[in-house]
């Protein structure tokens, strides 16, 4: 064991930072996609709920808050993923 550590080359500094950057990028994608999915689920839930309740205030709330947020998050996700 001790002899293996002596002959092992240290990892390059740039490689460590490259791996950290890739992991941070993937983490950002995961967070943005999760937020987009949650906002789209909320939008869908309010649309379905509005069908049963027949209340126009839910539709106004949905189109005022959830739809723009869902569109923004989805556009952000597609902008972050190259080729999508």
PDB file of N, CA and C in Angstrom:
ATOM      1  N   UNK A   1       0.812  -1.190   0.000  1.00  0.00           N
ATOM      2  CA  UNK A   1       0.000   0.000   0.000  1.00  0.00           C
ATOM      3  C   UNK A   1       0.859   1.258   0.000  1.00  0.00           C
ATOM      4  N   UNK A   2       1.839   1.290   0.838  1.00  0.00           N
ATOM      5  CA  UNK A   2       2.695   2.467   0.937  1.00  0.00           C
ATOM      6  C   UNK A   2       3.466   2.682  -0.362  1.00  0.00           C
ATOM      7  N   UNK A   3       3.890   1.588  -0.992  1.00  0.00           N
ATOM      8  CA  UNK A   3       4.659   1.708  -2.228  1.00  0.00           C
ATOM      9  C   UNK A   3       3.786   2.222  -3.372  1.00  0.00           C
ATOM     10  N   UNK A   4       2.497   1.860  -3.382  1.00  0.00           N
ATOM     11  CA  UNK A   4       1.593   2.327  -4.426  1.00  0.00           C
ATOM     12  C   UNK A   4       1.383   3.838  -4.348  1.00  0.00           C
ATOM     13  N   UNK A   5       1.334   4.372  -3.154  1.00  0.00           N
ATOM     14  CA  UNK A   5       1.115   5.803  -2.984  1.00  0.00           C
ATOM     15  C   UNK A   5       2.309   6.622  -3.461  1.00  0.00           C
ATOM     16  N   UNK A   6       3.496   6.055  -3.361  1.00  0.00           N
ATOM     17  CA  UNK A   6       4.695   6.776  -3.794  1.00  0.00           C
ATOM     18  C   UNK A   6       4.726   6.937  -5.313  1.00  0.00           C
ATOM     19  N   UNK A   7       4.283   5.926  -6.035  1.00  0.00           N
ATOM     20  CA  UNK A   7       4.379   5.948  -7.489  1.00  0.00           C
ATOM     21  C   UNK A   7       3.116   6.476  -8.179  1.00  0.00           C
ATOM     22  N   UNK A   8       2.100   6.747  -7.428  1.00  0.00           N
ATOM     23  CA  UNK A   8       0.858   7.268  -7.997  1.00  0.00           C
ATOM     24  C   UNK A   8       1.035   8.740  -8.374  1.00  0.00           C
ATOM     25  N   UNK A   9       0.614   9.068  -9.596  1.00  0.00           N
ATOM     26  CA  UNK A   9       0.712  10.457 -10.042  1.00  0.00           C
ATOM     27  C   UNK A   9      -0.435  11.267  -9.427  1.00  0.00           C
ATOM     28  N   UNK A  10      -0.151  12.474  -9.018  1.00  0.00           N
ATOM     29  CA  UNK A  10      -1.249  13.315  -8.527  1.00  0.00           C
ATOM     30  C   UNK A  10      -2.138  13.748  -9.690  1.00  0.00           C
ATOM     31  N   UNK A  11      -3.408  13.896  -9.390  1.00  0.00           N
ATOM     32  CA  UNK A  11      -4.347  14.323 -10.430  1.00  0.00           C
ATOM     33  C   UNK A  11      -4.082  15.781 -10.786  1.00  0.00           C
ATOM     34  N   UNK A  12      -4.238  16.119 -12.053  1.00  0.00           N
ATOM     35  CA  UNK A  12      -4.017  17.516 -12.448  1.00  0.00           C
ATOM     36  C   UNK A  12      -5.066  18.435 -11.815  1.00  0.00           C
ATOM     37  N   UNK A  13      -4.627  19.643 -11.524  1.00  0.00           N
ATOM     38  CA  UNK A  13      -5.500  20.626 -10.878  1.00  0.00           C
ATOM     39  C   UNK A  13      -6.664  21.000 -11.785  1.00  0.00           C
ATOM     40  N   UNK A  14      -6.420  21.130 -13.092  1.00  0.00           N
ATOM     41  CA  UNK A  14      -7.475  21.529 -14.023  1.00  0.00           C
ATOM     42  C   UNK A  14      -8.546  20.454 -14.148  1.00  0.00           C
ATOM     43  N   UNK A  15      -8.146  19.193 -13.980  1.00  0.00           N
ATOM     44  CA  UNK A  15      -9.115  18.097 -14.075  1.00  0.00           C
ATOM     45  C   UNK A  15     -10.101  18.142 -12.907  1.00  0.00           C
ATOM     46  N   UNK A  16      -9.603  18.453 -11.727  1.00  0.00           N
ATOM     47  CA  UNK A  16     -10.493  18.565 -10.562  1.00  0.00           C
ATOM     48  C   UNK A  16     -11.531  19.665 -10.793  1.00  0.00           C
ATOM     49  N   UNK A  17     -11.093  20.807 -11.308  1.00  0.00           N
ATOM     50  CA  UNK A  17     -12.019  21.910 -11.543  1.00  0.00           C
ATOM     51  C   UNK A  17     -12.982  21.613 -12.678  1.00  0.00           C
ATOM     52  N   UNK A  18     -12.535  20.878 -13.675  1.00  0.00           N
ATOM     53  CA  UNK A  18     -13.420  20.495 -14.768  1.00  0.00           C
ATOM     54  C   UNK A  18     -14.528  19.571 -14.263  1.00  0.00           C
ATOM     55  N   UNK A  19     -14.172  18.632 -13.419  1.00  0.00           N
ATOM     56  CA  UNK A  19     -15.172  17.728 -12.848  1.00  0.00           C
ATOM     57  C   UNK A  19     -16.139  18.502 -11.960  1.00  0.00           C
ATOM     58  N   UNK A  20     -15.640  19.456 -11.188  1.00  0.00           N
ATOM     59  CA  UNK A  20     -16.511  20.275 -10.345  1.00  0.00           C
ATOM     60  C   UNK A  20     -17.470  21.114 -11.188  1.00  0.00           C
ATOM     61  N   UNK A  21     -16.966  21.690 -12.283  1.00  0.00           N
ATOM     62  CA  UNK A  21     -17.825  22.482 -13.159  1.00  0.00           C
ATOM     63  C   UNK A  21     -18.909  21.642 -13.814  1.00  0.00           C
ATOM     64  N   UNK A  22     -18.561  20.461 -14.265  1.00  0.00           N
ATOM     65  CA  UNK A  22     -19.547  19.568 -14.885  1.00  0.00           C
ATOM     66  C   UNK A  22     -20.605  19.157 -13.860  1.00  0.00           C
ATOM     67  N   UNK A  23     -20.183  18.843 -12.657  1.00  0.00           N
ATOM     68  CA  UNK A  23     -21.141  18.470 -11.610  1.00  0.00           C
ATOM     69  C   UNK A  23     -22.050  19.643 -11.245  1.00  0.00           C
ATOM     70  N   UNK A  24     -21.504  20.856 -11.193  1.00  0.00           N
ATOM     71  CA  UNK A  24     -22.317  22.032 -10.892  1.00  0.00           C
ATOM     72  C   UNK A  24     -23.318  22.293 -12.011  1.00  0.00           C
ATOM     73  N   UNK A  25     -22.903  22.108 -13.253  1.00  0.00           N
ATOM     74  CA  UNK A  25     -23.791  22.295 -14.399  1.00  0.00           C
ATOM     75  C   UNK A  25     -24.940  21.281 -14.369  1.00  0.00           C
ATOM     76  N   UNK A  26     -24.613  20.035 -14.083  1.00  0.00           N
ATOM     77  CA  UNK A  26     -25.649  19.000 -13.992  1.00  0.00           C
ATOM     78  C   UNK A  26     -26.578  19.291 -12.825  1.00  0.00           C
ATOM     79  N   UNK A  27     -26.037  19.759 -11.711  1.00  0.00           N
ATOM     80  CA  UNK A  27     -26.878  20.125 -10.574  1.00  0.00           C
ATOM     81  C   UNK A  27     -27.820  21.268 -10.901  1.00  0.00           C
ATOM     82  N   UNK A  28     -27.332  22.259 -11.643  1.00  0.00           N
ATOM     83  CA  UNK A  28     -28.181  23.372 -12.071  1.00  0.00           C
ATOM     84  C   UNK A  28     -29.301  22.882 -12.975  1.00  0.00           C
ATOM     85  N   UNK A  29     -28.979  21.979 -13.892  1.00  0.00           N
ATOM     86  CA  UNK A  29     -29.998  21.415 -14.771  1.00  0.00           C
ATOM     87  C   UNK A  29     -31.058  20.658 -13.976  1.00  0.00           C
ATOM     88  N   UNK A  30     -30.636  19.918 -12.989  1.00  0.00           N
ATOM     89  CA  UNK A  30     -31.573  19.148 -12.165  1.00  0.00           C
ATOM     90  C   UNK A  30     -32.511  20.084 -11.405  1.00  0.00           C
ATOM     91  N   UNK A  31     -31.970  21.145 -10.831  1.00  0.00           N
ATOM     92  CA  UNK A  31     -32.794  22.079 -10.063  1.00  0.00           C
ATOM     93  C   UNK A  31     -33.787  22.802 -10.971  1.00  0.00           C
ATOM     94  N   UNK A  32     -33.326  23.259 -12.137  1.00  0.00           N
ATOM     95  CA  UNK A  32     -34.217  23.972 -13.060  1.00  0.00           C
ATOM     96  C   UNK A  32     -35.303  23.040 -13.583  1.00  0.00           C
ATOM     97  N   UNK A  33     -34.945  21.816 -13.934  1.00  0.00           N
ATOM     98  CA  UNK A  33     -35.947  20.876 -14.432  1.00  0.00           C
ATOM     99  C   UNK A  33     -36.946  20.505 -13.342  1.00  0.00           C
ATOM    100  N   UNK A  34     -36.487  20.320 -12.123  1.00  0.00           N
ATOM    101  CA  UNK A  34     -37.402  19.999 -11.025  1.00  0.00           C
ATOM    102  C   UNK A  34     -38.375  21.150 -10.776  1.00  0.00           C
ATOM    103  N   UNK A  35     -37.871  22.376 -10.803  1.00  0.00           N
ATOM    104  CA  UNK A  35     -38.755  23.531 -10.612  1.00  0.00           C
ATOM    105  C   UNK A  35     -39.747  23.656 -11.763  1.00  0.00           C
ATOM    106  N   UNK A  36     -39.300  23.374 -12.990  1.00  0.00           N
ATOM    107  CA  UNK A  36     -40.205  23.431 -14.145  1.00  0.00           C
ATOM    108  C   UNK A  36     -41.295  22.368 -14.028  1.00  0.00           C
ATOM    109  N   UNK A  37     -40.925  21.183 -13.619  1.00  0.00           N
ATOM    110  CA  UNK A  37     -41.910  20.105 -13.478  1.00  0.00           C
ATOM    111  C   UNK A  37     -42.921  20.448 -12.383  1.00  0.00           C
ATOM    112  N   UNK A  38     -42.445  20.997 -11.273  1.00  0.00           N
ATOM    113  CA  UNK A  38     -43.363  21.375 -10.192  1.00  0.00           C
ATOM    114  C   UNK A  38     -44.317  22.486 -10.629  1.00  0.00           C
ATOM    115  N   UNK A  39     -43.809  23.471 -11.339  1.00  0.00           N
ATOM    116  CA  UNK A  39     -44.694  24.557 -11.767  1.00  0.00           C
ATOM    117  C   UNK A  39     -45.686  24.080 -12.829  1.00  0.00           C
ATOM    118  N   UNK A  40     -45.260  23.185 -13.705  1.00  0.00           N
ATOM    119  CA  UNK A  40     -46.185  22.631 -14.698  1.00  0.00           C
ATOM    120  C   UNK A  40     -47.244  21.762 -14.026  1.00  0.00           C
ATOM    121  N   UNK A  41     -46.849  21.032 -13.001  1.00  0.00           N
ATOM    122  CA  UNK A  41     -47.817  20.227 -12.257  1.00  0.00           C
ATOM    123  C   UNK A  41     -48.830  21.113 -11.543  1.00  0.00           C
ATOM    124  N   UNK A  42     -48.357  22.214 -10.980  1.00  0.00           N
ATOM    125  CA  UNK A  42     -49.267  23.164 -10.346  1.00  0.00           C
ATOM    126  C   UNK A  42     -50.228  23.776 -11.339  1.00  0.00           C
ATOM    127  N   UNK A  43     -49.738  24.094 -12.527  1.00  0.00           N
ATOM    128  CA  UNK A  43     -50.592  24.645 -13.580  1.00  0.00           C
ATOM    129  C   UNK A  43     -51.667  23.637 -13.975  1.00  0.00           C
ATOM    130  N   UNK A  44     -51.260  22.405 -14.189  1.00  0.00           N
ATOM    131  CA  UNK A  44     -52.206  21.367 -14.570  1.00  0.00           C
ATOM    132  C   UNK A  44     -53.228  21.117 -13.465  1.00  0.00           C
ATOM    133  N   UNK A  45     -52.756  21.111 -12.220  1.00  0.00           N
ATOM    134  CA  UNK A  45     -53.661  20.895 -11.090  1.00  0.00           C
ATOM    135  C   UNK A  45     -54.719  21.992 -11.015  1.00  0.00           C
ATOM    136  N   UNK A  46     -54.321  23.229 -11.212  1.00  0.00           N
ATOM    137  CA  UNK A  46     -55.296  24.318 -11.154  1.00  0.00           C
ATOM    138  C   UNK A  46     -56.268  24.281 -12.327  1.00  0.00           C
ATOM    139  N   UNK A  47     -55.801  23.837 -13.491  1.00  0.00           N
ATOM    140  CA  UNK A  47     -56.702  23.710 -14.638  1.00  0.00           C
ATOM    141  C   UNK A  47     -57.754  22.638 -14.364  1.00  0.00           C
ATOM    142  N   UNK A  48     -57.335  21.507 -13.847  1.00  0.00           N
ATOM    143  CA  UNK A  48     -58.276  20.429 -13.538  1.00  0.00           C
ATOM    144  C   UNK A  48     -59.208  20.842 -12.406  1.00  0.00           C
ATOM    145  N   UNK A  49     -58.678  21.505 -11.403  1.00  0.00           N
ATOM    146  CA  UNK A  49     -59.492  21.959 -10.279  1.00  0.00           C
ATOM    147  C   UNK A  49     -60.537  22.974 -10.719  1.00  0.00           C
ATOM    148  N   UNK A  50     -60.172  23.803 -11.674  1.00  0.00           N
ATOM    149  CA  UNK A  50     -61.104  24.806 -12.175  1.00  0.00           C
ATOM    150  C   UNK A  50     -62.298  24.163 -12.889  1.00  0.00           C
ATOM    151  N   UNK A  51     -62.070  23.022 -13.510  1.00  0.00           N
ATOM    152  CA  UNK A  51     -63.172  22.333 -14.183  1.00  0.00           C
ATOM    153  C   UNK A  51     -64.250  21.891 -13.202  1.00  0.00           C
ATOM    154  N   UNK A  52     -63.844  21.482 -12.015  1.00  0.00           N
ATOM    155  CA  UNK A  52     -64.798  20.997 -11.031  1.00  0.00           C
ATOM    156  C   UNK A  52     -65.403  22.127 -10.197  1.00  0.00           C
ATOM    157  N   UNK A  53     -64.646  23.156  -9.927  1.00  0.00           N
ATOM    158  CA  UNK A  53     -65.103  24.218  -9.043  1.00  0.00           C
ATOM    159  C   UNK A  53     -65.870  25.291  -9.811  1.00  0.00           C
ATOM    160  N   UNK A  54     -65.553  25.474 -11.070  1.00  0.00           N
ATOM    161  CA  UNK A  54     -66.154  26.502 -11.918  1.00  0.00           C
ATOM    162  C   UNK A  54     -65.964  27.896 -11.324  1.00  0.00           C
ATOM    163  N   UNK A  55     -64.720  28.194 -10.990  1.00  0.00           N
ATOM    164  CA  UNK A  55     -64.369  29.482 -10.417  1.00  0.00           C
ATOM    165  C   UNK A  55     -63.389  30.170 -11.355  1.00  0.00           C
ATOM    166  N   UNK A  56     -63.711  31.394 -11.772  1.00  0.00           N
ATOM    167  CA  UNK A  56     -62.844  32.113 -12.699  1.00  0.00           C
ATOM    168  C   UNK A  56     -61.592  32.663 -12.036  1.00  0.00           C
ATOM    169  N   UNK A  57     -61.607  32.811 -10.724  1.00  0.00           N
ATOM    170  CA  UNK A  57     -60.428  33.345 -10.033  1.00  0.00           C
ATOM    171  C   UNK A  57     -59.249  32.378 -10.117  1.00  0.00           C
ATOM    172  N   UNK A  58     -59.524  31.076 -10.134  1.00  0.00           N
ATOM    173  CA  UNK A  58     -58.431  30.106 -10.292  1.00  0.00           C
ATOM    174  C   UNK A  58     -57.773  30.249 -11.649  1.00  0.00           C
ATOM    175  N   UNK A  59     -58.575  30.454 -12.677  1.00  0.00           N
ATOM    176  CA  UNK A  59     -58.027  30.612 -14.018  1.00  0.00           C
ATOM    177  C   UNK A  59     -57.194  31.886 -14.110  1.00  0.00           C
ATOM    178  N   UNK A  60     -57.661  32.958 -13.525  1.00  0.00           N
ATOM    179  CA  UNK A  60     -56.897  34.204 -13.519  1.00  0.00           C
ATOM    180  C   UNK A  60     -55.574  34.029 -12.782  1.00  0.00           C
ATOM    181  N   UNK A  61     -55.630  33.381 -11.621  1.00  0.00           N
ATOM    182  CA  UNK A  61     -54.418  33.137 -10.843  1.00  0.00           C
ATOM    183  C   UNK A  61     -53.444  32.258 -11.619  1.00  0.00           C
ATOM    184  N   UNK A  62     -53.979  31.246 -12.272  1.00  0.00           N
ATOM    185  CA  UNK A  62     -53.156  30.326 -13.039  1.00  0.00           C
ATOM    186  C   UNK A  62     -52.440  31.052 -14.179  1.00  0.00           C
ATOM    187  N   UNK A  63     -53.188  31.824 -14.940  1.00  0.00           N
ATOM    188  CA  UNK A  63     -52.592  32.514 -16.091  1.00  0.00           C
ATOM    189  C   UNK A  63     -51.718  33.687 -15.671  1.00  0.00           C
ATOM    190  N   UNK A  64     -51.936  34.214 -14.504  1.00  0.00           N
ATOM    191  CA  UNK A  64     -51.131  35.348 -14.054  1.00  0.00           C
ATOM    192  C   UNK A  64     -49.795  34.894 -13.472  1.00  0.00           C
ATOM    193  N   UNK A  65     -49.787  33.775 -12.744  1.00  0.00           N
ATOM    194  CA  UNK A  65     -48.577  33.368 -12.041  1.00  0.00           C
ATOM    195  C   UNK A  65     -47.935  32.086 -12.577  1.00  0.00           C
ATOM    196  N   UNK A  66     -48.708  31.022 -12.682  1.00  0.00           N
ATOM    197  CA  UNK A  66     -48.111  29.727 -12.988  1.00  0.00           C
ATOM    198  C   UNK A  66     -47.692  29.571 -14.443  1.00  0.00           C
ATOM    199  N   UNK A  67     -48.489  30.025 -15.369  1.00  0.00           N
ATOM    200  CA  UNK A  67     -48.161  29.843 -16.787  1.00  0.00           C
ATOM    201  C   UNK A  67     -46.878  30.584 -17.169  1.00  0.00           C
ATOM    202  N   UNK A  68     -46.709  31.877 -16.801  1.00  0.00           N
ATOM    203  CA  UNK A  68     -45.441  32.535 -17.143  1.00  0.00           C
ATOM    204  C   UNK A  68     -44.228  31.895 -16.469  1.00  0.00           C
ATOM    205  N   UNK A  69     -44.406  31.455 -15.219  1.00  0.00           N
ATOM    206  CA  UNK A  69     -43.297  30.818 -14.524  1.00  0.00           C
ATOM    207  C   UNK A  69     -42.933  29.489 -15.186  1.00  0.00           C
ATOM    208  N   UNK A  70     -43.928  28.708 -15.576  1.00  0.00           N
ATOM    209  CA  UNK A  70     -43.673  27.434 -16.250  1.00  0.00           C
ATOM    210  C   UNK A  70     -42.959  27.664 -17.574  1.00  0.00           C
ATOM    211  N   UNK A  71     -43.434  28.645 -18.334  1.00  0.00           N
ATOM    212  CA  UNK A  71     -42.804  28.928 -19.620  1.00  0.00           C
ATOM    213  C   UNK A  71     -41.367  29.408 -19.446  1.00  0.00           C
ATOM    214  N   UNK A  72     -41.140  30.274 -18.457  1.00  0.00           N
ATOM    215  CA  UNK A  72     -39.782  30.767 -18.216  1.00  0.00           C
ATOM    216  C   UNK A  72     -38.841  29.630 -17.826  1.00  0.00           C
ATOM    217  N   UNK A  73     -39.273  28.777 -16.909  1.00  0.00           N
ATOM    218  CA  UNK A  73     -38.405  27.687 -16.460  1.00  0.00           C
ATOM    219  C   UNK A  73     -38.137  26.683 -17.572  1.00  0.00           C
ATOM    220  N   UNK A  74     -39.143  26.396 -18.392  1.00  0.00           N
ATOM    221  CA  UNK A  74     -38.923  25.460 -19.488  1.00  0.00           C
ATOM    222  C   UNK A  74     -37.987  26.062 -20.525  1.00  0.00           C
ATOM    223  N   UNK A  75     -38.155  27.346 -20.840  1.00  0.00           N
ATOM    224  CA  UNK A  75     -37.254  28.007 -21.783  1.00  0.00           C
ATOM    225  C   UNK A  75     -35.832  28.077 -21.239  1.00  0.00           C
ATOM    226  N   UNK A  76     -35.691  28.291 -19.931  1.00  0.00           N
ATOM    227  CA  UNK A  76     -34.371  28.290 -19.310  1.00  0.00           C
ATOM    228  C   UNK A  76     -33.733  26.915 -19.405  1.00  0.00           C
ATOM    229  N   UNK A  77     -34.498  25.879 -19.152  1.00  0.00           N
ATOM    230  CA  UNK A  77     -33.958  24.515 -19.246  1.00  0.00           C
ATOM    231  C   UNK A  77     -33.517  24.197 -20.667  1.00  0.00           C
ATOM    232  N   UNK A  78     -34.358  24.540 -21.653  1.00  0.00           N
ATOM    233  CA  UNK A  78     -33.985  24.248 -23.035  1.00  0.00           C
ATOM    234  C   UNK A  78     -32.812  25.095 -23.497  1.00  0.00           C
ATOM    235  N   UNK A  79     -32.633  26.282 -22.913  1.00  0.00           N
ATOM    236  CA  UNK A  79     -31.486  27.103 -23.267  1.00  0.00           C
ATOM    237  C   UNK A  79     -30.195  26.537 -22.648  1.00  0.00           C
ATOM    238  N   UNK A  80     -30.311  25.914 -21.488  1.00  0.00           N
ATOM    239  CA  UNK A  80     -29.127  25.364 -20.819  1.00  0.00           C
ATOM    240  C   UNK A  80     -28.656  24.055 -21.432  1.00  0.00           C
ATOM    241  N   UNK A  81     -29.562  23.320 -22.075  1.00  0.00           N
ATOM    242  CA  UNK A  81     -29.178  22.036 -22.675  1.00  0.00           C
ATOM    243  C   UNK A  81     -28.840  22.287 -24.146  1.00  0.00           C
ATOM    244  N   UNK A  82     -27.597  22.078 -24.519  1.00  0.00           N
ATOM    245  CA  UNK A  82     -27.219  22.325 -25.915  1.00  0.00           C
ATOM    246  C   UNK A  82     -27.880  21.309 -26.852  1.00  0.00           C
ATOM    247  N   UNK A  83     -28.412  21.811 -27.953  1.00  0.00           N
ATOM    248  CA  UNK A  83     -29.017  20.940 -28.953  1.00  0.00           C
ATOM    249  C   UNK A  83     -30.437  20.552 -28.658  1.00  0.00           C
ATOM    250  N   UNK A  84     -31.043  21.128 -27.657  1.00  0.00           N
ATOM    251  CA  UNK A  84     -32.428  20.772 -27.316  1.00  0.00           C
ATOM    252  C   UNK A  84     -33.372  21.835 -27.802  1.00  0.00           C
TER     253      UNK A  84
END
